[in-house]
Amino acid sequence: MHSPGFNPSDAVSFDLRRGRVQITGGTGHVLLPADAILALLRETQPEIARDLGRNIGTELGQRVATHFQRHEGSLNLASAMTVVEFLGGELALQGLGSLSVEQWGSALLFIVDDSPFGPDGSEFVAVVLEAALQRAFGREVALVGLGYDAERTRYVAVSPTTAVAVKTLLEKDVGWGDIITKLNASAGDVDGGVE
């Protein structure tokens, strides 16, 4: 069975009579200004903001997994680019930006362009993507923001243990290109030289 490409037609429905917004395969949604959400994220406790991101990402990942289960039999049978296309489509339906992926050696970078939250919301977007990937693939992953420039945020996908080492390097002002080089040289093994 071959999965059809991501098709956003009929993905969002508006029932104006009942005052509801629905994303196919998801729960009811609410359209809110990005500035209001960003203000809420700034003012709330960090764990509450992370829970919100995880809830959004888990639903997003469930829709991706359900699609591939239906059309491929398993998400693991789909090509990486097809999965990224669907994950990006779901992220765009949420209004969180445009997703692409870059492979730098063994390092996998998720790129989000045009997020309405800008650099202030990049950690929130990372949590959404982490939860989506964890739900879709059933594996623990951490996304660490490597920087924001010109409407673009780069995140490296690593294990939670390696994420700590990457964050330490960022705090030491090590550039993201050098971090990727270190990850590739150590094959992502923290004890192999990333720290």
Protein backbone atom coordinates (compact mmCIF):
# COMPACT_ATOMS: atom_id res chain seq x y z
CA MET A 1 0.00 0.00 0.00
CA HIS A 2 1.31 3.47 -0.81
CA SER A 3 0.49 6.50 1.28
CA PRO A 4 -0.95 9.42 -0.66
CA GLY A 5 0.85 12.75 -0.18
CA PHE A 6 -0.27 15.17 2.48
CA ASN A 7 -3.52 16.77 1.37
CA PRO A 8 -4.79 19.68 3.46
CA SER A 9 -8.13 19.92 1.68
CA ASP A 10 -10.93 19.26 4.14
CA ALA A 11 -8.36 19.02 6.96
CA VAL A 12 -9.94 21.94 8.80
CA SER A 13 -13.67 22.44 9.05
CA PHE A 14 -15.53 25.45 10.36
CA ASP A 15 -19.03 25.00 11.73
CA LEU A 16 -20.06 28.62 12.07
CA ARG A 17 -23.59 27.76 13.16
CA ARG A 18 -22.26 25.87 16.18
CA GLY A 19 -19.12 28.04 16.56
CA ARG A 20 -16.64 25.17 16.19
CA VAL A 21 -13.32 24.55 14.45
CA GLN A 22 -12.28 20.94 13.87
CA ILE A 23 -9.13 19.37 12.45
CA THR A 24 -9.87 16.00 10.88
CA GLY A 25 -8.73 13.24 13.20
CA GLY A 26 -8.32 15.61 16.14
CA THR A 27 -10.28 17.26 18.87
CA GLY A 28 -12.03 20.62 18.64
CA HIS A 29 -9.69 23.58 18.12
CA VAL A 30 -9.69 27.25 19.00
CA LEU A 31 -8.18 29.95 16.81
CA LEU A 32 -6.17 32.33 18.98
CA PRO A 33 -3.77 35.18 18.18
CA ALA A 34 -0.14 34.05 18.33
CA ASP A 35 0.72 37.09 20.47
CA ALA A 36 -1.82 36.01 23.08
CA ILE A 37 -0.39 32.49 23.22
CA LEU A 38 3.16 33.85 23.44
CA ALA A 39 2.13 36.17 26.29
CA LEU A 40 0.56 33.20 28.09
CA LEU A 41 3.74 31.14 27.61
CA ARG A 42 5.85 33.96 29.05
CA GLU A 43 3.64 34.39 32.13
CA THR A 44 2.92 30.78 33.02
CA GLN A 45 5.10 28.28 34.85
CA PRO A 46 7.56 26.51 32.51
CA GLU A 47 6.09 23.06 33.25
CA ILE A 48 2.59 24.25 32.31
CA ALA A 49 3.94 25.65 29.02
CA ARG A 50 5.70 22.33 28.33
CA ASP A 51 2.49 20.40 29.11
CA LEU A 52 0.59 22.57 26.63
CA GLY A 53 3.23 21.91 23.96
CA ARG A 54 3.24 18.18 24.69
CA ASN A 55 -0.56 18.00 24.43
CA ILE A 56 -0.53 19.75 21.05
CA GLY A 57 2.38 17.64 19.78
CA THR A 58 0.92 14.35 20.99
CA GLU A 59 -2.30 14.97 19.06
CA LEU A 60 -0.32 16.02 16.00
CA GLY A 61 1.85 12.87 16.20
CA GLN A 62 -1.25 10.70 16.65
CA ARG A 63 -2.73 12.03 13.41
CA VAL A 64 0.54 11.32 11.57
CA ALA A 65 0.79 7.80 13.02
CA THR A 66 -2.86 7.04 12.26
CA HIS A 67 -2.46 8.15 8.64
CA PHE A 68 0.54 5.89 8.06
CA GLN A 69 -1.01 2.98 9.94
CA ARG A 70 -4.00 3.23 7.62
CA HIS A 71 -2.06 3.64 4.37
CA GLU A 72 1.30 1.90 4.96
CA GLY A 73 0.53 -0.51 7.80
CA SER A 74 3.18 1.24 9.88
CA LEU A 75 4.94 4.57 10.11
CA ASN A 76 8.27 2.70 9.98
CA LEU A 77 7.53 1.55 6.42
CA ALA A 78 7.18 5.11 5.08
CA SER A 79 10.06 7.09 3.64
CA ALA A 80 11.59 9.75 5.87
CA MET A 81 10.64 12.50 3.42
CA THR A 82 7.02 11.37 3.35
CA VAL A 83 6.86 11.41 7.14
CA VAL A 84 8.42 14.89 7.22
CA GLU A 85 5.88 16.06 4.63
CA PHE A 86 3.01 14.88 6.86
CA LEU A 87 4.57 16.16 10.06
CA GLY A 88 5.16 19.50 8.35
CA GLY A 89 1.60 19.58 7.08
CA GLU A 90 0.25 18.95 10.56
CA LEU A 91 2.54 21.63 12.02
CA ALA A 92 1.32 24.08 9.38
CA LEU A 93 -2.33 23.22 10.16
CA GLN A 94 -1.60 24.32 13.73
CA GLY A 95 -0.19 27.58 12.37
CA LEU A 96 3.22 26.93 13.94
CA GLY A 97 5.38 27.32 10.83
CA SER A 98 6.81 25.44 7.88
CA LEU A 99 8.89 22.32 8.59
CA SER A 100 11.83 20.89 6.67
CA VAL A 101 14.67 18.53 7.55
CA GLU A 102 18.38 18.61 6.84
CA GLN A 103 20.79 15.73 7.30
CA TRP A 104 24.33 16.74 8.28
CA GLY A 105 26.26 13.48 8.42
CA SER A 106 24.49 11.45 11.08
CA ALA A 107 22.91 14.57 12.62
CA LEU A 108 19.27 15.26 11.80
CA LEU A 109 18.16 18.89 11.90
CA PHE A 110 14.53 19.99 11.93
CA ILE A 111 14.08 23.47 10.48
CA VAL A 112 11.01 25.58 11.26
CA ASP A 113 10.51 28.65 9.10
CA ASP A 114 8.04 31.45 9.69
CA SER A 115 6.80 30.46 13.14
CA PRO A 116 4.43 33.18 14.37
CA PHE A 117 6.17 32.98 17.77
CA GLY A 118 9.63 34.00 16.53
CA PRO A 119 12.63 33.28 18.72
CA ASP A 120 10.64 33.73 21.95
CA GLY A 121 8.50 30.70 21.16
CA SER A 122 11.19 28.43 19.73
CA GLU A 123 11.37 26.28 22.87
CA PHE A 124 7.59 25.81 22.79
CA VAL A 125 7.74 24.72 19.13
CA ALA A 126 10.54 22.29 20.04
CA VAL A 127 8.33 20.69 22.71
CA VAL A 128 5.46 20.36 20.20
CA LEU A 129 7.75 18.64 17.69
CA GLU A 130 9.33 16.40 20.34
CA ALA A 131 5.93 15.19 21.49
CA ALA A 132 4.79 14.64 17.90
CA LEU A 133 7.89 12.58 17.10
CA GLN A 134 7.61 10.60 20.33
CA ARG A 135 3.94 9.81 19.70
CA ALA A 136 4.43 8.98 16.03
CA PHE A 137 7.55 6.81 16.44
CA GLY A 138 7.21 5.64 20.04
CA ARG A 139 10.80 6.72 20.84
CA GLU A 140 12.13 9.33 23.20
CA VAL A 141 13.78 12.23 21.41
CA ALA A 142 14.91 15.70 22.39
CA LEU A 143 15.04 18.69 20.06
CA VAL A 144 17.53 21.37 21.00
CA GLY A 145 17.24 24.77 19.39
CA LEU A 146 20.54 25.70 17.74
CA GLY A 147 19.60 29.25 16.95
CA TYR A 148 17.16 31.59 15.30
CA ASP A 149 17.91 33.72 12.28
CA ALA A 150 15.82 35.35 9.56
CA GLU A 151 12.52 33.66 10.52
CA ARG A 152 14.25 30.24 10.81
CA THR A 153 14.95 28.05 13.82
CA ARG A 154 17.17 25.00 13.60
CA TYR A 155 16.70 22.11 16.03
CA VAL A 156 18.95 19.08 16.31
CA ALA A 157 17.27 15.78 17.16
CA VAL A 158 19.24 13.91 19.82
CA SER A 159 18.74 11.64 22.80
CA PRO A 160 17.73 13.34 26.06
CA THR A 161 21.21 12.64 27.47
CA THR A 162 22.95 14.19 24.48
CA ALA A 163 20.58 17.16 24.67
CA VAL A 164 22.13 18.14 28.00
CA ALA A 165 25.61 18.13 26.44
CA VAL A 166 24.41 20.14 23.42
CA LYS A 167 22.80 22.75 25.69
CA THR A 168 26.04 23.00 27.65
CA LEU A 169 27.96 23.68 24.43
CA LEU A 170 25.43 26.34 23.43
CA GLU A 171 25.84 28.02 26.83
CA LYS A 172 29.59 28.15 26.10
CA ASP A 173 28.80 29.98 22.82
CA VAL A 174 29.91 27.08 20.64
CA GLY A 175 28.43 27.62 17.16
CA TRP A 176 25.81 25.21 15.86
CA GLY A 177 28.06 24.08 12.98
CA ASP A 178 30.75 23.12 15.48
CA ILE A 179 28.19 21.29 17.60
CA ILE A 180 27.07 19.27 14.58
CA THR A 181 30.71 18.47 13.81
CA LYS A 182 31.21 17.27 17.39
CA LEU A 183 28.04 15.16 17.23
CA ASN A 184 29.19 13.53 14.00
CA ALA A 185 32.70 12.93 15.34
CA SER A 186 31.32 11.26 18.45
CA ALA A 187 28.42 9.51 16.66
CA GLY A 188 26.08 11.25 19.12
CA ASP A 189 27.72 9.52 22.10
CA VAL A 190 28.05 12.05 24.92
CA ASP A 191 31.00 10.20 26.37
CA GLY A 192 32.59 10.13 22.93
CA GLY A 193 33.44 13.81 22.92
CA VAL A 194 30.34 15.98 22.59
CA GLU A 195 30.78 17.46 26.09
